[in-house]
Amino acid sequence: VPSKLEPTMALSRLRIGFRTSFAALGTVVGLSAVICWLKVFRSYDTAAFGGLSGLTAAVALTVHILYARDQWGASYRWLRGLMLAGCFVQLAGVCGFVAYLVLGIDNHQALVPESYYITCVWCFLTWKWGFLLFLYSRGYRREFDPSYQRMEEAADVKA
């Protein structure tokens, strides 16, 4: 019987495989958006948010791969920084979403590839990957950080 202080692989291999595949797809789509919007449409702001979305998805992919290899046990402190990075990416996504939505409405733009509305979509995807990076890092940190496990034990004693 494993003690509460020993990390266990709580997630199934199927769930880890799904998360890893989803993050890999997000990485490929985000980085291909950079190429597409830089070369074809010359929309640099859309390309920037597509790149940030792809980069954040790549970090989430790395988090999942390290979890699947059971390598967070020794370096779980990095997860706190990744949680903070996820918060900042969420903030950038929300600010960009609101700003580009207001610009699109104010300029009466149509839904074309060069419009601000497409940039809004990539800002939302950036927010999504920031949120998922925060969420997954928080969950893995709860599993490996002994201070979280001590808090859970204290809550069990009180109940």
N, C-alpha and C. Protein backbone atom coordinates (compact mmCIF):
# COMPACT_ATOMS: atom_id res chain seq x y z
N VAL A 1 0.86 -1.18 0.00
CA VAL A 1 0.00 0.00 0.00
C VAL A 1 0.90 1.23 0.00
N PRO A 2 0.81 2.09 -1.03
CA PRO A 2 1.66 3.28 -1.06
C PRO A 2 1.18 4.30 -0.03
N SER A 3 2.15 4.96 0.61
CA SER A 3 1.79 5.99 1.58
C SER A 3 1.39 7.26 0.83
N LYS A 4 0.82 8.21 1.57
CA LYS A 4 0.38 9.45 0.95
C LYS A 4 1.56 10.31 0.50
N LEU A 5 2.75 10.07 1.05
CA LEU A 5 3.91 10.88 0.68
C LEU A 5 4.59 10.35 -0.57
N GLU A 6 4.26 9.19 -1.04
CA GLU A 6 4.84 8.66 -2.26
C GLU A 6 3.96 9.02 -3.44
N PRO A 7 4.55 9.68 -4.48
CA PRO A 7 3.73 10.01 -5.64
C PRO A 7 3.34 8.75 -6.40
N THR A 8 2.13 8.73 -6.87
CA THR A 8 1.67 7.59 -7.66
C THR A 8 1.18 8.10 -9.00
N MET A 9 1.22 7.26 -9.98
CA MET A 9 0.71 7.63 -11.30
C MET A 9 -0.80 7.52 -11.25
N ALA A 10 -1.45 8.62 -10.89
CA ALA A 10 -2.88 8.60 -10.67
C ALA A 10 -3.67 8.60 -11.98
N LEU A 11 -3.11 9.15 -13.01
CA LEU A 11 -3.82 9.22 -14.29
C LEU A 11 -3.55 7.97 -15.11
N SER A 12 -4.56 7.54 -15.83
CA SER A 12 -4.39 6.37 -16.67
C SER A 12 -3.54 6.71 -17.89
N ARG A 13 -2.97 5.69 -18.48
CA ARG A 13 -2.16 5.89 -19.69
C ARG A 13 -3.00 6.43 -20.84
N LEU A 14 -4.27 6.05 -20.88
CA LEU A 14 -5.15 6.55 -21.93
C LEU A 14 -5.36 8.05 -21.79
N ARG A 15 -5.58 8.52 -20.57
CA ARG A 15 -5.77 9.95 -20.34
C ARG A 15 -4.50 10.73 -20.64
N ILE A 16 -3.35 10.21 -20.24
CA ILE A 16 -2.08 10.87 -20.54
C ILE A 16 -1.85 10.89 -22.05
N GLY A 17 -2.19 9.80 -22.72
CA GLY A 17 -2.05 9.76 -24.18
C GLY A 17 -2.95 10.76 -24.87
N PHE A 18 -4.16 10.92 -24.37
CA PHE A 18 -5.08 11.91 -24.94
C PHE A 18 -4.55 13.32 -24.72
N ARG A 19 -4.10 13.60 -23.50
CA ARG A 19 -3.57 14.94 -23.22
C ARG A 19 -2.33 15.24 -24.05
N THR A 20 -1.46 14.25 -24.19
CA THR A 20 -0.24 14.44 -24.98
C THR A 20 -0.58 14.65 -26.45
N SER A 21 -1.51 13.89 -26.97
CA SER A 21 -1.91 14.04 -28.38
C SER A 21 -2.56 15.39 -28.62
N PHE A 22 -3.40 15.82 -27.70
CA PHE A 22 -4.07 17.11 -27.82
C PHE A 22 -3.05 18.26 -27.78
N ALA A 23 -2.05 18.17 -26.89
CA ALA A 23 -1.02 19.20 -26.81
C ALA A 23 -0.12 19.18 -28.05
N ALA A 24 0.17 17.99 -28.59
CA ALA A 24 0.98 17.91 -29.81
C ALA A 24 0.23 18.52 -30.99
N LEU A 25 -1.07 18.25 -31.07
CA LEU A 25 -1.88 18.85 -32.13
C LEU A 25 -1.91 20.38 -31.99
N GLY A 26 -2.06 20.87 -30.77
CA GLY A 26 -2.06 22.31 -30.53
C GLY A 26 -0.73 22.95 -30.90
N THR A 27 0.36 22.25 -30.65
CA THR A 27 1.68 22.76 -31.02
C THR A 27 1.83 22.87 -32.53
N VAL A 28 1.44 21.82 -33.23
CA VAL A 28 1.55 21.81 -34.70
C VAL A 28 0.66 22.88 -35.33
N VAL A 29 -0.58 22.97 -34.86
CA VAL A 29 -1.51 23.95 -35.42
C VAL A 29 -1.04 25.37 -35.12
N GLY A 30 -0.58 25.61 -33.89
CA GLY A 30 -0.12 26.95 -33.53
C GLY A 30 1.10 27.38 -34.32
N LEU A 31 2.05 26.49 -34.48
CA LEU A 31 3.25 26.86 -35.22
C LEU A 31 3.01 26.93 -36.73
N SER A 32 2.06 26.15 -37.24
CA SER A 32 1.72 26.29 -38.65
C SER A 32 0.95 27.58 -38.90
N ALA A 33 0.23 28.08 -37.89
CA ALA A 33 -0.46 29.36 -38.03
C ALA A 33 0.54 30.49 -38.19
N VAL A 34 1.67 30.39 -37.51
CA VAL A 34 2.71 31.41 -37.66
C VAL A 34 3.16 31.49 -39.11
N ILE A 35 3.45 30.35 -39.69
CA ILE A 35 3.93 30.31 -41.07
C ILE A 35 2.85 30.82 -42.02
N CYS A 36 1.63 30.36 -41.81
CA CYS A 36 0.52 30.74 -42.69
C CYS A 36 0.26 32.24 -42.64
N TRP A 37 0.13 32.80 -41.45
CA TRP A 37 -0.22 34.21 -41.36
C TRP A 37 0.95 35.13 -41.64
N LEU A 38 2.17 34.65 -41.53
CA LEU A 38 3.32 35.49 -41.91
C LEU A 38 3.53 35.48 -43.42
N LYS A 39 3.54 34.31 -44.02
CA LYS A 39 3.86 34.18 -45.44
C LYS A 39 2.70 34.54 -46.36
N VAL A 40 1.50 34.06 -46.04
CA VAL A 40 0.37 34.20 -46.95
C VAL A 40 -0.39 35.51 -46.72
N PHE A 41 -0.79 35.76 -45.47
CA PHE A 41 -1.68 36.88 -45.20
C PHE A 41 -0.96 38.13 -44.66
N ARG A 42 0.28 38.00 -44.27
CA ARG A 42 1.07 39.10 -43.71
C ARG A 42 0.36 39.79 -42.55
N SER A 43 -0.25 38.99 -41.69
CA SER A 43 -0.91 39.49 -40.49
C SER A 43 -0.03 39.14 -39.30
N TYR A 44 0.78 40.10 -38.90
CA TYR A 44 1.80 39.82 -37.90
C TYR A 44 1.23 39.63 -36.50
N ASP A 45 0.16 40.33 -36.18
CA ASP A 45 -0.43 40.16 -34.86
C ASP A 45 -1.09 38.78 -34.70
N THR A 46 -1.76 38.33 -35.76
CA THR A 46 -2.35 36.98 -35.72
C THR A 46 -1.26 35.92 -35.63
N ALA A 47 -0.18 36.12 -36.37
CA ALA A 47 0.94 35.19 -36.32
C ALA A 47 1.58 35.16 -34.93
N ALA A 48 1.65 36.31 -34.29
CA ALA A 48 2.26 36.36 -32.95
C ALA A 48 1.42 35.58 -31.94
N PHE A 49 0.10 35.77 -31.97
CA PHE A 49 -0.73 35.02 -31.03
C PHE A 49 -0.81 33.54 -31.40
N GLY A 50 -0.74 33.22 -32.68
CA GLY A 50 -0.66 31.81 -33.07
C GLY A 50 0.63 31.17 -32.57
N GLY A 51 1.72 31.92 -32.65
CA GLY A 51 3.00 31.41 -32.14
C GLY A 51 3.00 31.24 -30.64
N LEU A 52 2.40 32.20 -29.93
CA LEU A 52 2.31 32.09 -28.47
C LEU A 52 1.43 30.91 -28.07
N SER A 53 0.36 30.70 -28.82
CA SER A 53 -0.51 29.56 -28.56
C SER A 53 0.25 28.25 -28.78
N GLY A 54 0.97 28.15 -29.89
CA GLY A 54 1.75 26.94 -30.18
C GLY A 54 2.86 26.71 -29.19
N LEU A 55 3.50 27.78 -28.75
CA LEU A 55 4.58 27.65 -27.76
C LEU A 55 4.03 27.18 -26.41
N THR A 56 2.90 27.73 -26.01
CA THR A 56 2.29 27.31 -24.75
C THR A 56 1.83 25.86 -24.83
N ALA A 57 1.30 25.46 -25.98
CA ALA A 57 0.92 24.06 -26.16
C ALA A 57 2.14 23.15 -26.10
N ALA A 58 3.27 23.62 -26.63
CA ALA A 58 4.50 22.83 -26.57
C ALA A 58 4.99 22.67 -25.14
N VAL A 59 4.84 23.72 -24.33
CA VAL A 59 5.22 23.60 -22.92
C VAL A 59 4.29 22.62 -22.21
N ALA A 60 3.00 22.69 -22.52
CA ALA A 60 2.05 21.73 -21.93
C ALA A 60 2.39 20.30 -22.37
N LEU A 61 2.79 20.15 -23.61
CA LEU A 61 3.22 18.83 -24.11
C LEU A 61 4.42 18.32 -23.32
N THR A 62 5.38 19.19 -23.07
CA THR A 62 6.55 18.81 -22.29
C THR A 62 6.17 18.41 -20.87
N VAL A 63 5.23 19.14 -20.28
CA VAL A 63 4.76 18.80 -18.93
C VAL A 63 4.16 17.40 -18.91
N HIS A 64 3.35 17.07 -19.92
CA HIS A 64 2.74 15.74 -19.97
C HIS A 64 3.77 14.64 -20.21
N ILE A 65 4.73 14.90 -21.07
CA ILE A 65 5.76 13.90 -21.34
C ILE A 65 6.59 13.63 -20.08
N LEU A 66 6.94 14.69 -19.36
CA LEU A 66 7.71 14.49 -18.13
C LEU A 66 6.89 13.77 -17.07
N TYR A 67 5.59 14.00 -17.05
CA TYR A 67 4.74 13.27 -16.11
C TYR A 67 4.66 11.80 -16.49
N ALA A 68 4.51 11.53 -17.78
CA ALA A 68 4.42 10.14 -18.23
C ALA A 68 5.71 9.37 -17.95
N ARG A 69 6.84 10.07 -17.99
CA ARG A 69 8.12 9.44 -17.68
C ARG A 69 8.42 9.44 -16.18
N ASP A 70 7.53 9.98 -15.40
CA ASP A 70 7.67 10.05 -13.94
C ASP A 70 8.92 10.82 -13.53
N GLN A 71 9.14 11.97 -14.17
CA GLN A 71 10.32 12.79 -13.89
C GLN A 71 10.02 14.04 -13.08
N TRP A 72 8.78 14.23 -12.64
CA TRP A 72 8.46 15.41 -11.84
C TRP A 72 8.76 15.19 -10.37
N GLY A 73 9.07 13.98 -9.96
CA GLY A 73 9.30 13.70 -8.55
C GLY A 73 10.45 14.50 -7.96
N ALA A 74 11.53 14.64 -8.71
CA ALA A 74 12.71 15.34 -8.21
C ALA A 74 12.66 16.85 -8.46
N SER A 75 11.92 17.27 -9.45
CA SER A 75 11.94 18.70 -9.82
C SER A 75 10.53 19.29 -9.90
N TYR A 76 9.71 18.96 -8.92
CA TYR A 76 8.33 19.45 -8.94
C TYR A 76 8.26 20.95 -8.71
N ARG A 77 9.32 21.57 -8.22
CA ARG A 77 9.30 23.01 -7.96
C ARG A 77 9.16 23.82 -9.25
N TRP A 78 9.56 23.26 -10.37
CA TRP A 78 9.39 23.93 -11.67
C TRP A 78 7.91 24.14 -11.99
N LEU A 79 7.07 23.29 -11.48
CA LEU A 79 5.65 23.37 -11.79
C LEU A 79 5.02 24.66 -11.27
N ARG A 80 5.56 25.20 -10.20
CA ARG A 80 5.05 26.47 -9.68
C ARG A 80 5.31 27.59 -10.69
N GLY A 81 6.49 27.61 -11.27
CA GLY A 81 6.80 28.60 -12.30
C GLY A 81 5.95 28.43 -13.54
N LEU A 82 5.67 27.18 -13.89
CA LEU A 82 4.81 26.94 -15.04
C LEU A 82 3.37 27.35 -14.76
N MET A 83 2.94 27.22 -13.52
CA MET A 83 1.62 27.72 -13.15
C MET A 83 1.56 29.24 -13.33
N LEU A 84 2.61 29.92 -12.90
CA LEU A 84 2.67 31.37 -13.05
C LEU A 84 2.73 31.77 -14.52
N ALA A 85 3.49 31.04 -15.31
CA ALA A 85 3.55 31.32 -16.75
C ALA A 85 2.19 31.12 -17.39
N GLY A 86 1.47 30.09 -16.98
CA GLY A 86 0.12 29.88 -17.49
C GLY A 86 -0.80 31.04 -17.17
N CYS A 87 -0.65 31.61 -15.98
CA CYS A 87 -1.47 32.78 -15.61
C CYS A 87 -1.16 33.97 -16.50
N PHE A 88 0.12 34.22 -16.77
CA PHE A 88 0.49 35.35 -17.62
C PHE A 88 0.03 35.15 -19.06
N VAL A 89 0.09 33.92 -19.55
CA VAL A 89 -0.40 33.65 -20.90
C VAL A 89 -1.91 33.84 -20.96
N GLN A 90 -2.61 33.44 -19.92
CA GLN A 90 -4.06 33.69 -19.86
C GLN A 90 -4.35 35.18 -19.89
N LEU A 91 -3.58 35.95 -19.14
CA LEU A 91 -3.78 37.40 -19.10
C LEU A 91 -3.54 38.02 -20.48
N ALA A 92 -2.49 37.57 -21.16
CA ALA A 92 -2.22 38.08 -22.50
C ALA A 92 -3.35 37.71 -23.46
N GLY A 93 -3.85 36.50 -23.35
CA GLY A 93 -4.94 36.06 -24.22
C GLY A 93 -6.22 36.85 -24.01
N VAL A 94 -6.58 37.09 -22.76
CA VAL A 94 -7.80 37.85 -22.47
C VAL A 94 -7.66 39.30 -22.92
N CYS A 95 -6.52 39.91 -22.61
CA CYS A 95 -6.31 41.31 -23.02
C CYS A 95 -6.33 41.44 -24.53
N GLY A 96 -5.67 40.51 -25.22
CA GLY A 96 -5.67 40.54 -26.68
C GLY A 96 -7.06 40.31 -27.24
N PHE A 97 -7.79 39.38 -26.66
CA PHE A 97 -9.15 39.09 -27.13
C PHE A 97 -10.03 40.33 -27.04
N VAL A 98 -10.01 40.99 -25.90
CA VAL A 98 -10.85 42.18 -25.72
C VAL A 98 -10.39 43.30 -26.65
N ALA A 99 -9.09 43.52 -26.74
CA ALA A 99 -8.57 44.60 -27.57
C ALA A 99 -8.91 44.39 -29.05
N TYR A 100 -8.69 43.19 -29.57
CA TYR A 100 -8.96 42.95 -30.98
C TYR A 100 -10.45 42.87 -31.28
N LEU A 101 -11.24 42.45 -30.32
CA LEU A 101 -12.69 42.46 -30.52
C LEU A 101 -13.19 43.90 -30.62
N VAL A 102 -12.70 44.76 -29.75
CA VAL A 102 -13.09 46.17 -29.81
C VAL A 102 -12.61 46.80 -31.11
N LEU A 103 -11.40 46.50 -31.53
CA LEU A 103 -10.89 47.04 -32.80
C LEU A 103 -11.71 46.56 -33.99
N GLY A 104 -12.07 45.30 -33.99
CA GLY A 104 -12.88 44.76 -35.09
C GLY A 104 -14.25 45.40 -35.15
N ILE A 105 -14.88 45.58 -34.00
CA ILE A 105 -16.21 46.21 -33.97
C ILE A 105 -16.11 47.68 -34.35
N ASP A 106 -15.09 48.35 -33.81
CA ASP A 106 -14.93 49.78 -34.07
C ASP A 106 -14.63 50.08 -35.54
N ASN A 107 -13.88 49.21 -36.19
CA ASN A 107 -13.51 49.41 -37.60
C ASN A 107 -14.52 48.77 -38.56
N HIS A 108 -15.59 48.19 -38.06
CA HIS A 108 -16.64 47.56 -38.88
C HIS A 108 -16.04 46.58 -39.89
N GLN A 109 -15.19 45.69 -39.39
CA GLN A 109 -14.51 44.75 -40.28
C GLN A 109 -15.40 43.55 -40.60
N ALA A 110 -15.19 43.03 -41.78
CA ALA A 110 -15.85 41.78 -42.19
C ALA A 110 -14.97 40.62 -41.73
N LEU A 111 -15.53 39.43 -41.79
CA LEU A 111 -14.79 38.24 -41.38
C LEU A 111 -13.95 37.74 -42.55
N VAL A 112 -12.77 38.31 -42.69
CA VAL A 112 -11.80 37.92 -43.73
C VAL A 112 -10.51 37.51 -43.02
N PRO A 113 -9.61 36.83 -43.71
CA PRO A 113 -8.38 36.36 -43.04
C PRO A 113 -7.52 37.46 -42.43
N GLU A 114 -7.60 38.68 -42.93
CA GLU A 114 -6.77 39.76 -42.40
C GLU A 114 -7.48 40.54 -41.29
N SER A 115 -8.65 40.12 -40.85
CA SER A 115 -9.43 40.91 -39.89
C SER A 115 -8.97 40.68 -38.45
N TYR A 116 -9.42 41.58 -37.61
CA TYR A 116 -9.11 41.47 -36.19
C TYR A 116 -9.86 40.31 -35.54
N TYR A 117 -10.93 39.87 -36.14
CA TYR A 117 -11.71 38.77 -35.55
C TYR A 117 -10.94 37.45 -35.57
N ILE A 118 -10.14 37.25 -36.61
CA ILE A 118 -9.30 36.04 -36.66
C ILE A 118 -8.24 36.11 -35.56
N THR A 119 -7.73 37.31 -35.32
CA THR A 119 -6.78 37.47 -34.22
C THR A 119 -7.45 37.19 -32.89
N CYS A 120 -8.74 37.56 -32.77
CA CYS A 120 -9.52 37.24 -31.56
C CYS A 120 -9.57 35.74 -31.33
N VAL A 121 -9.75 34.98 -32.39
CA VAL A 121 -9.80 33.52 -32.26
C VAL A 121 -8.47 33.00 -31.72
N TRP A 122 -7.36 33.51 -32.24
CA TRP A 122 -6.05 33.05 -31.78
C TRP A 122 -5.76 33.55 -30.37
N CYS A 123 -6.30 34.69 -29.99
CA CYS A 123 -6.17 35.14 -28.59
C CYS A 123 -6.92 34.20 -27.66
N PHE A 124 -8.10 33.75 -28.09
CA PHE A 124 -8.85 32.79 -27.28
C PHE A 124 -8.08 31.48 -27.16
N LEU A 125 -7.50 31.00 -28.25
CA LEU A 125 -6.73 29.75 -28.20
C LEU A 125 -5.49 29.91 -27.31
N THR A 126 -4.90 31.11 -27.32
CA THR A 126 -3.78 31.38 -26.43
C THR A 126 -4.23 31.33 -24.98
N TRP A 127 -5.39 31.94 -24.69
CA TRP A 127 -5.94 31.87 -23.34
C TRP A 127 -6.19 30.41 -22.93
N LYS A 128 -6.75 29.64 -23.86
CA LYS A 128 -7.06 28.24 -23.56
C LYS A 128 -5.81 27.46 -23.19
N TRP A 129 -4.73 27.62 -23.95
CA TRP A 129 -3.51 26.88 -23.64
C TRP A 129 -2.86 27.38 -22.37
N GLY A 130 -2.98 28.67 -22.08
CA GLY A 130 -2.49 29.18 -20.80
C GLY A 130 -3.24 28.57 -19.63
N PHE A 131 -4.57 28.48 -19.79
CA PHE A 131 -5.40 27.88 -18.74
C PHE A 131 -5.05 26.40 -18.56
N LEU A 132 -4.90 25.68 -19.67
CA LEU A 132 -4.57 24.26 -19.56
C LEU A 132 -3.18 24.05 -18.97
N LEU A 133 -2.22 24.91 -19.32
CA LEU A 133 -0.89 24.81 -18.72
C LEU A 133 -0.98 25.02 -17.22
N PHE A 134 -1.73 26.03 -16.79
CA PHE A 134 -1.91 26.26 -15.36
C PHE A 134 -2.59 25.06 -14.69
N LEU A 135 -3.66 24.58 -15.31
CA LEU A 135 -4.44 23.49 -14.71
C LEU A 135 -3.63 22.20 -14.59
N TYR A 136 -2.94 21.82 -15.65
CA TYR A 136 -2.17 20.58 -15.62
C TYR A 136 -0.97 20.71 -14.68
N SER A 137 -0.30 21.84 -14.68
CA SER A 137 0.84 22.03 -13.77
C SER A 137 0.38 21.98 -12.32
N ARG A 138 -0.76 22.57 -12.05
CA ARG A 138 -1.31 22.56 -10.68
C ARG A 138 -1.65 21.13 -10.25
N GLY A 139 -2.27 20.38 -11.15
CA GLY A 139 -2.61 19.00 -10.81
C GLY A 139 -1.39 18.12 -10.57
N TYR A 140 -0.38 18.27 -11.41
CA TYR A 140 0.82 17.46 -11.23
C TYR A 140 1.59 17.91 -10.00
N ARG A 141 1.57 19.21 -9.71
CA ARG A 141 2.24 19.69 -8.51
C ARG A 141 1.56 19.15 -7.26
N ARG A 142 0.25 19.10 -7.27
CA ARG A 142 -0.47 18.53 -6.12
C ARG A 142 -0.10 17.07 -5.89
N GLU A 143 0.21 16.39 -6.97
CA GLU A 143 0.56 14.97 -6.83
C GLU A 143 1.96 14.77 -6.28
N PHE A 144 2.90 15.65 -6.67
CA PHE A 144 4.30 15.42 -6.31
C PHE A 144 4.81 16.27 -5.16
N ASP A 145 4.19 17.40 -4.87
CA ASP A 145 4.69 18.30 -3.84
C ASP A 145 4.32 17.78 -2.46
N PRO A 146 5.30 17.50 -1.60
CA PRO A 146 4.99 16.97 -0.27
C PRO A 146 4.18 17.94 0.59
N SER A 147 4.35 19.25 0.40
CA SER A 147 3.59 20.20 1.22
C SER A 147 2.09 20.10 0.93
N TYR A 148 1.72 19.85 -0.32
CA TYR A 148 0.30 19.64 -0.64
C TYR A 148 -0.20 18.36 0.01
N GLN A 149 0.62 17.33 0.02
CA GLN A 149 0.21 16.05 0.58
C GLN A 149 0.06 16.15 2.09
N ARG A 150 0.89 16.98 2.74
CA ARG A 150 0.72 17.19 4.17
C ARG A 150 -0.57 17.93 4.47
N MET A 151 -0.96 18.86 3.59
CA MET A 151 -2.21 19.57 3.77
C MET A 151 -3.40 18.62 3.67
N GLU A 152 -3.32 17.67 2.73
CA GLU A 152 -4.39 16.69 2.57
C GLU A 152 -4.49 15.80 3.80
N GLU A 153 -3.34 15.42 4.39
CA GLU A 153 -3.35 14.60 5.60
C GLU A 153 -3.98 15.36 6.75
N ALA A 154 -3.68 16.66 6.88
CA ALA A 154 -4.25 17.46 7.96
C ALA A 154 -5.77 17.57 7.79
N ALA A 155 -6.22 17.68 6.55
CA ALA A 155 -7.65 17.75 6.30
C ALA A 155 -8.32 16.41 6.62
N ASP A 156 -7.64 15.31 6.39
CA ASP A 156 -8.19 13.99 6.73
C ASP A 156 -8.32 13.82 8.24
N VAL A 157 -7.38 14.37 9.00
CA VAL A 157 -7.42 14.24 10.45
C VAL A 157 -8.58 15.04 11.02
N LYS A 158 -8.83 16.25 10.46
CA LYS A 158 -9.91 17.10 10.95
C LYS A 158 -11.28 16.53 10.65
N ALA A 159 -11.38 15.80 9.57
CA ALA A 159 -12.70 15.30 9.16
C ALA A 159 -13.18 14.14 9.97
